[in-house]
């Protein structure tokens, strides 16, 4: 069983907190053999990974996972990183990684991840056009090669995975050809030196790729956005480039989702998909949690940023992820599960 966490900035980060909370309560999270993440989902996955041992030993999800993530969500990261990267020494992505490390990871490296389940944090290699995977066992691009048992900081892996283009990208991975334990044929050593990485969502914005080939059961949480309709799209190159990126992201996401749902329908795989834009009525199951459609749509419109969120919005996004994952699991994975009866944050109804 794999749990896959999409990108989508702080919006997705908080939405996934709620979804993982419900999976934990249902005992499904403990059954996962792989957690695959991209972008904003990788922030939540990194916190979950470091908390894993204490969580499965009976620790509080609220204290071990939700609280640290909400601490980060109370801080604006992207604006200061961009300004600092422009006017001060160091890159934008290095500044993002520094904040992640200070607030969340405290110097932890990929070797601090658990052995089971395997956490895979995904970025996109701009040089090869392939997926770059960070895990405890290795960091790897199948076209370039792999570095076994990497000691890279977890904050750096998450920063690479969430290096939204164009403002937070690229993250330059400081490596040399001699660091690689396996070098794939076809690409020279210039591809194994100072590797330029960008957001994992550029290649796979649902985090499906590494789970698809190894797991039959897939639980996929999608907190991604979509491009809004615009009768007069911007003509200047900067805003138009962002519009184009949004359209491309939407199409990649739609194709991945179609592939996933098709595999469920054909019984090639089982599991469940839920999205921040999903209408609970589509699942056809009893909902004991009030989820007004207008409120859910409004939450889905939260901008894709690493920008400070009001505490109430954080809690509402987590509540929405909790409720819709509950409905999806009951509708498509285990009909015997009892419906959730209360939000994790009852003081922040949708």
Protein backbone atom coordinates (compact mmCIF):
# COMPACT_ATOMS: atom_id res chain seq x y z
CA UNK A 1 0.00 0.00 0.00
CA UNK A 2 1.24 3.45 -0.92
CA UNK A 3 0.08 6.84 0.29
CA UNK A 4 0.67 9.58 -2.30
CA UNK A 5 0.65 13.29 -1.46
CA UNK A 6 0.32 15.92 -4.18
CA UNK A 7 1.77 19.38 -4.47
CA UNK A 8 -0.05 22.64 -3.89
CA UNK A 9 1.90 24.83 -1.45
CA UNK A 10 0.60 25.42 2.05
CA UNK A 11 -2.93 24.65 0.84
CA UNK A 12 -2.02 21.05 -0.01
CA UNK A 13 0.28 20.78 3.01
CA UNK A 14 -2.60 21.45 5.41
CA UNK A 15 -5.15 19.44 3.39
CA UNK A 16 -2.84 16.41 3.62
CA UNK A 17 -2.52 16.85 7.38
CA UNK A 18 -6.24 16.21 7.71
CA UNK A 19 -6.22 13.28 5.27
CA UNK A 20 -3.29 11.57 7.03
CA UNK A 21 -4.94 12.18 10.39
CA UNK A 22 -8.00 10.20 9.26
CA UNK A 23 -5.89 7.44 7.68
CA UNK A 24 -4.01 7.16 10.97
CA UNK A 25 -7.23 6.82 12.94
CA UNK A 26 -8.46 4.10 10.56
CA UNK A 27 -5.22 2.12 10.89
CA UNK A 28 -4.48 2.50 7.19
CA UNK A 29 -1.44 4.72 7.59
CA UNK A 30 0.32 2.00 9.60
CA UNK A 31 -0.24 -0.42 6.69
CA UNK A 32 1.60 1.77 4.19
CA UNK A 33 4.80 0.36 2.74
CA UNK A 34 5.57 3.56 0.82
CA UNK A 35 4.81 7.26 1.18
CA UNK A 36 5.48 9.18 -2.04
CA UNK A 37 5.27 12.96 -2.17
CA UNK A 38 5.88 16.02 -4.27
CA UNK A 39 6.13 19.72 -3.54
CA UNK A 40 3.85 20.92 -0.71
CA UNK A 41 3.02 17.30 0.04
CA UNK A 42 6.70 16.65 0.73
CA UNK A 43 6.66 19.13 3.61
CA UNK A 44 3.94 17.13 5.35
CA UNK A 45 5.60 13.84 4.43
CA UNK A 46 8.92 14.97 5.91
CA UNK A 47 7.28 15.84 9.23
CA UNK A 48 5.39 12.53 9.21
CA UNK A 49 8.59 10.60 8.50
CA UNK A 50 10.48 12.06 11.46
CA UNK A 51 7.49 11.46 13.74
CA UNK A 52 6.83 7.92 12.48
CA UNK A 53 8.39 5.88 15.28
CA UNK A 54 6.68 7.87 18.03
CA UNK A 55 3.40 7.93 16.11
CA UNK A 56 3.13 4.16 15.66
CA UNK A 57 4.12 3.73 19.31
CA UNK A 58 0.95 5.57 20.29
CA UNK A 59 1.97 9.22 20.10
CA UNK A 60 -0.46 12.01 19.35
CA UNK A 61 -0.95 12.87 15.67
CA UNK A 62 -2.01 16.36 16.71
CA UNK A 63 1.25 16.98 18.57
CA UNK A 64 3.69 15.07 16.36
CA UNK A 65 2.45 15.99 12.88
CA UNK A 66 -0.26 18.63 12.85
CA UNK A 67 1.38 21.07 15.28
CA UNK A 68 4.78 21.31 13.53
CA UNK A 69 3.17 21.71 10.10
CA UNK A 70 0.88 24.43 11.42
CA UNK A 71 3.91 26.17 12.91
CA UNK A 72 5.39 26.43 9.42
CA UNK A 73 2.04 27.48 7.92
CA UNK A 74 2.09 30.46 10.29
CA UNK A 75 5.21 31.79 8.60
CA UNK A 76 5.72 33.29 5.13
CA UNK A 77 8.66 31.58 3.42
CA UNK A 78 8.52 32.34 -0.29
CA UNK A 79 8.64 36.15 -0.30
CA UNK A 80 11.62 36.48 2.03
CA UNK A 81 13.47 33.69 0.25
CA UNK A 82 13.02 35.37 -3.13
CA UNK A 83 14.11 38.80 -1.88
CA UNK A 84 17.05 37.33 0.00
CA UNK A 85 18.09 35.27 -3.02
CA UNK A 86 18.07 38.36 -5.21
CA UNK A 87 19.82 40.83 -2.93
CA UNK A 88 21.93 38.70 -0.56
CA UNK A 89 24.43 35.84 -0.85
CA UNK A 90 22.91 32.40 -1.34
CA UNK A 91 20.12 31.15 -3.57
CA UNK A 92 16.36 31.28 -3.13
CA UNK A 93 16.12 27.53 -2.64
CA UNK A 94 18.90 27.54 -0.05
CA UNK A 95 16.93 30.08 1.96
CA UNK A 96 13.78 27.97 1.73
CA UNK A 97 15.74 24.94 2.94
CA UNK A 98 17.14 26.97 5.85
CA UNK A 99 13.62 27.84 7.04
CA UNK A 100 12.43 24.24 6.69
CA UNK A 101 15.39 23.07 8.74
CA UNK A 102 14.96 25.71 11.42
CA UNK A 103 11.21 25.24 11.88
CA UNK A 104 10.72 21.53 11.15
CA UNK A 105 13.70 19.26 10.64
CA UNK A 106 16.44 20.50 12.99
CA UNK A 107 19.39 19.09 11.04
CA UNK A 108 17.82 15.69 10.28
CA UNK A 109 19.12 13.94 7.17
CA UNK A 110 17.70 11.34 4.82
CA UNK A 111 19.29 8.75 7.09
CA UNK A 112 16.84 9.76 9.82
CA UNK A 113 13.90 8.53 7.74
CA UNK A 114 12.35 5.21 8.80
CA UNK A 115 13.22 2.00 6.98
CA UNK A 116 9.57 0.98 6.81
CA UNK A 117 7.61 2.50 5.24
CA UNK A 118 9.91 3.89 2.59
CA UNK A 119 9.47 7.63 2.21
CA UNK A 120 10.22 8.88 -1.31
CA UNK A 121 10.49 12.65 -1.81
CA UNK A 122 10.33 13.50 -5.50
CA UNK A 123 11.85 16.36 -7.46
CA UNK A 124 12.32 16.94 -11.21
CA UNK A 125 15.76 16.91 -12.81
CA UNK A 126 15.84 19.85 -15.21
CA UNK A 127 18.94 18.45 -16.91
CA UNK A 128 17.65 14.98 -17.80
CA UNK A 129 13.91 15.72 -17.76
CA UNK A 130 13.40 12.77 -15.40
CA UNK A 131 12.24 12.24 -11.85
CA UNK A 132 14.85 12.64 -9.11
CA UNK A 133 14.03 10.56 -6.02
CA UNK A 134 15.26 11.19 -2.50
CA UNK A 135 14.99 8.35 0.01
CA UNK A 136 16.95 6.78 2.84
CA UNK A 137 18.33 4.05 0.58
CA UNK A 138 19.44 6.30 -2.25
CA UNK A 139 18.88 9.46 -4.21
CA UNK A 140 18.55 8.64 -7.86
CA UNK A 141 17.67 9.59 -11.41
CA UNK A 142 17.31 6.45 -13.53
CA UNK A 143 19.09 8.14 -16.45
CA UNK A 144 21.94 9.62 -14.38
CA UNK A 145 22.68 7.20 -11.55
CA UNK A 146 22.32 6.86 -7.80
CA UNK A 147 24.06 7.81 -4.57
CA UNK A 148 23.58 5.16 -1.91
CA UNK A 149 22.71 5.99 1.70
CA UNK A 150 22.80 9.78 1.16
CA UNK A 151 23.42 12.06 4.13
CA UNK A 152 21.71 15.07 2.56
CA UNK A 153 19.64 17.15 4.95
CA UNK A 154 15.94 16.36 4.84
CA UNK A 155 15.28 20.10 4.54
CA UNK A 156 17.25 20.20 1.29
CA UNK A 157 15.35 17.27 -0.21
CA UNK A 158 12.02 18.92 0.67
CA UNK A 159 13.23 22.29 -0.67
CA UNK A 160 14.14 20.67 -3.99
CA UNK A 161 10.78 18.90 -4.14
CA UNK A 162 8.91 22.17 -3.47
CA UNK A 163 11.01 24.48 -5.66
CA UNK A 164 8.01 25.96 -7.48
CA UNK A 165 9.04 27.38 -10.86
CA UNK A 166 9.97 29.99 -11.68
CA UNK A 167 10.45 31.88 -8.41
CA UNK A 168 11.76 29.14 -6.07
CA UNK A 169 13.53 27.12 -8.77
CA UNK A 170 16.07 25.69 -9.31
CA UNK A 171 17.52 23.89 -6.34
CA UNK A 172 21.12 23.04 -7.23
CA UNK A 173 22.23 19.76 -5.66
CA UNK A 174 25.91 20.00 -4.81
CA UNK A 175 27.34 16.65 -5.95
CA UNK A 176 30.35 15.37 -7.86
CA UNK A 177 30.68 12.35 -10.19
CA UNK A 178 32.73 10.58 -7.52
CA UNK A 179 29.72 10.71 -5.17
CA UNK A 180 27.74 8.32 -7.37
CA UNK A 181 27.78 4.63 -6.53
CA UNK A 182 26.01 3.80 -9.79
CA UNK A 183 26.44 5.78 -13.01
CA UNK A 184 24.02 5.02 -15.80
CA UNK A 185 25.31 4.85 -19.39
CA UNK A 186 24.25 7.44 -21.91
CA UNK A 187 24.81 10.65 -19.97
CA UNK A 188 28.26 11.97 -19.12
CA UNK A 189 29.71 13.12 -15.83
CA UNK A 190 28.53 16.66 -16.49
CA UNK A 191 25.07 15.36 -15.48
CA UNK A 192 26.47 14.17 -12.15
CA UNK A 193 27.80 17.55 -11.06
CA UNK A 194 25.71 20.40 -9.55
CA UNK A 195 22.37 18.89 -10.57
CA UNK A 196 19.61 21.45 -11.21
CA UNK A 197 16.31 20.32 -9.69
CA UNK A 198 12.84 21.83 -9.67
CA UNK A 199 9.45 21.06 -8.14
CA UNK A 200 8.51 17.38 -8.22
CA UNK A 201 5.09 18.35 -9.50
CA UNK A 202 6.57 19.38 -12.84
CA UNK A 203 7.09 15.70 -13.65
CA UNK A 204 4.43 14.05 -11.49
CA UNK A 205 2.13 16.28 -9.49
CA UNK A 206 0.31 13.47 -7.67
CA UNK A 207 3.41 11.61 -6.46
CA UNK A 208 2.22 8.50 -8.28
CA UNK A 209 5.27 7.49 -10.31
CA UNK A 210 7.35 5.73 -7.67
CA UNK A 211 4.31 4.07 -6.08
CA UNK A 212 2.65 3.03 -9.34
CA UNK A 213 5.30 0.47 -10.24
CA UNK A 214 5.49 -1.20 -6.81
CA UNK A 215 2.14 -1.03 -5.03
CA UNK A 216 -1.26 -2.46 -5.84
CA UNK A 217 -3.19 -0.37 -3.30
CA UNK A 218 -2.92 3.39 -3.74
CA UNK A 219 -4.38 6.03 -1.45
CA UNK A 220 -3.95 9.35 -3.24
CA UNK A 221 -4.52 12.77 -1.65
CA UNK A 222 -4.71 15.64 -4.13
CA UNK A 223 -4.50 19.16 -2.75
CA UNK A 224 -3.52 20.71 -6.07
CA UNK A 225 -5.03 23.78 -7.65
CA UNK A 226 -6.15 24.55 -11.16
CA UNK A 227 -5.91 27.49 -13.51
CA UNK A 228 -8.97 29.73 -13.41
CA UNK A 229 -10.83 30.76 -16.53
CA UNK A 230 -9.54 34.02 -18.01
CA UNK A 231 -11.12 35.67 -21.05
CA UNK A 232 -8.14 38.05 -21.30
CA UNK A 233 -4.97 36.13 -20.37
CA UNK A 234 -1.92 38.31 -19.64
CA UNK A 235 0.23 39.40 -22.54
CA UNK A 236 3.48 40.17 -20.69
CA UNK A 237 6.00 37.35 -20.69
CA UNK A 238 6.24 36.89 -16.91
CA UNK A 239 2.53 36.54 -16.17
CA UNK A 240 1.93 34.61 -19.36
CA UNK A 241 4.68 32.15 -18.41
CA UNK A 242 2.93 31.54 -15.09
CA UNK A 243 -0.37 31.04 -16.90
CA UNK A 244 1.24 28.51 -19.23
CA UNK A 245 2.78 26.64 -16.28
CA UNK A 246 -0.63 26.51 -14.58
CA UNK A 247 -2.25 25.08 -17.71
CA UNK A 248 0.49 22.47 -18.14
CA UNK A 249 0.21 21.49 -14.48
CA UNK A 250 -3.54 21.07 -14.84
CA UNK A 251 -3.18 18.82 -17.86
CA UNK A 252 -0.49 16.64 -16.26
CA UNK A 253 -2.64 16.29 -13.15
CA UNK A 254 -5.71 15.38 -15.20
CA UNK A 255 -3.81 12.70 -17.13
CA UNK A 256 -2.36 11.18 -13.95
CA UNK A 257 -5.78 11.20 -12.31
CA UNK A 258 -7.37 9.57 -15.36
CA UNK A 259 -4.69 6.87 -15.34
CA UNK A 260 -5.30 6.22 -11.64
CA UNK A 261 -9.11 6.10 -11.81
CA UNK A 262 -8.91 3.90 -14.90
CA UNK A 263 -6.76 1.40 -13.01
CA UNK A 264 -9.36 1.30 -10.22
CA UNK A 265 -12.20 0.74 -12.68
CA UNK A 266 -10.28 -2.03 -14.47
CA UNK A 267 -9.39 -3.67 -11.10
CA UNK A 268 -5.69 -3.43 -11.93
CA UNK A 269 -5.28 -1.62 -8.61
CA UNK A 270 -7.43 -0.78 -5.65
CA UNK A 271 -7.51 2.10 -3.24
CA UNK A 272 -9.02 5.57 -3.28
CA UNK A 273 -8.48 9.05 -4.66
CA UNK A 274 -9.71 12.27 -3.08
CA UNK A 275 -9.12 15.82 -4.18
CA UNK A 276 -9.53 19.21 -2.61
CA UNK A 277 -12.10 19.96 -5.33
CA UNK A 278 -14.03 16.69 -4.99
CA UNK A 279 -17.74 16.99 -4.27
CA UNK A 280 -18.52 14.60 -1.37
CA UNK A 281 -21.86 13.84 -3.02
CA UNK A 282 -19.96 12.01 -5.78
CA UNK A 283 -19.03 9.24 -3.35
CA UNK A 284 -22.61 8.35 -2.46
CA UNK A 285 -21.86 7.60 1.20
CA UNK A 286 -23.27 9.01 4.40
CA UNK A 287 -21.54 12.18 5.55
CA UNK A 288 -21.87 12.96 9.25
CA UNK A 289 -19.57 15.94 8.91
CA UNK A 290 -21.06 19.11 7.45
CA UNK A 291 -19.21 19.94 4.21
CA UNK A 292 -21.09 22.75 2.41
CA UNK A 293 -20.08 22.67 -1.23
CA UNK A 294 -19.53 26.43 -1.40
CA UNK A 295 -17.13 26.33 1.56
CA UNK A 296 -15.15 23.45 0.07
CA UNK A 297 -14.79 25.25 -3.27
CA UNK A 298 -13.60 28.38 -1.46
CA UNK A 299 -10.93 26.37 0.38
CA UNK A 300 -9.76 24.89 -2.92
CA UNK A 301 -9.23 28.42 -4.25
CA UNK A 302 -6.57 29.15 -1.62
CA UNK A 303 -3.50 30.37 -3.58
CA UNK A 304 -0.54 28.05 -4.13
CA UNK A 305 1.97 29.85 -1.95
CA UNK A 306 4.30 29.35 0.98
CA UNK A 307 2.59 32.33 2.57
CA UNK A 308 1.44 32.70 6.15
CA UNK A 309 -2.05 31.30 6.70
CA UNK A 310 -4.45 32.46 9.40
CA UNK A 311 -4.84 29.69 12.01
CA UNK A 312 -8.54 29.26 11.23
CA UNK A 313 -7.80 28.65 7.53
CA UNK A 314 -5.16 26.09 8.48
CA UNK A 315 -7.65 24.21 10.63
CA UNK A 316 -10.43 24.38 8.04
CA UNK A 317 -8.16 22.96 5.32
CA UNK A 318 -7.14 20.11 7.64
CA UNK A 319 -10.78 19.45 8.49
CA UNK A 320 -11.67 19.32 4.79
CA UNK A 321 -8.86 16.83 4.06
CA UNK A 322 -10.03 14.73 7.01
CA UNK A 323 -13.67 14.67 5.84
CA UNK A 324 -13.13 13.98 2.15
CA UNK A 325 -10.52 11.25 2.75
CA UNK A 326 -12.98 9.58 5.13
CA UNK A 327 -15.66 9.60 2.42
CA UNK A 328 -13.29 8.33 -0.28
CA UNK A 329 -12.02 5.43 1.82
CA UNK A 330 -15.55 4.34 2.75
CA UNK A 331 -16.79 4.62 -0.84
CA UNK A 332 -13.93 2.92 -2.66
CA UNK A 333 -11.63 1.06 -0.28
CA UNK A 334 -13.46 -0.27 2.78
CA UNK A 335 -17.24 0.06 2.96
CA UNK A 336 -17.21 -1.31 6.50
CA UNK A 337 -15.47 1.73 7.98
CA UNK A 338 -17.63 3.79 10.31
CA UNK A 339 -18.17 7.36 9.16
CA UNK A 340 -16.24 10.05 11.01
CA UNK A 341 -18.46 11.91 13.45
CA UNK A 342 -16.33 14.89 14.38
CA UNK A 343 -13.67 17.13 12.88
CA UNK A 344 -10.14 17.11 14.34
CA UNK A 345 -10.58 20.87 14.82
CA UNK A 346 -14.22 21.26 15.92
CA UNK A 347 -13.73 25.01 16.47
CA UNK A 348 -13.16 25.52 12.72
CA UNK A 349 -16.15 24.07 10.84
CA UNK A 350 -16.12 24.29 7.09
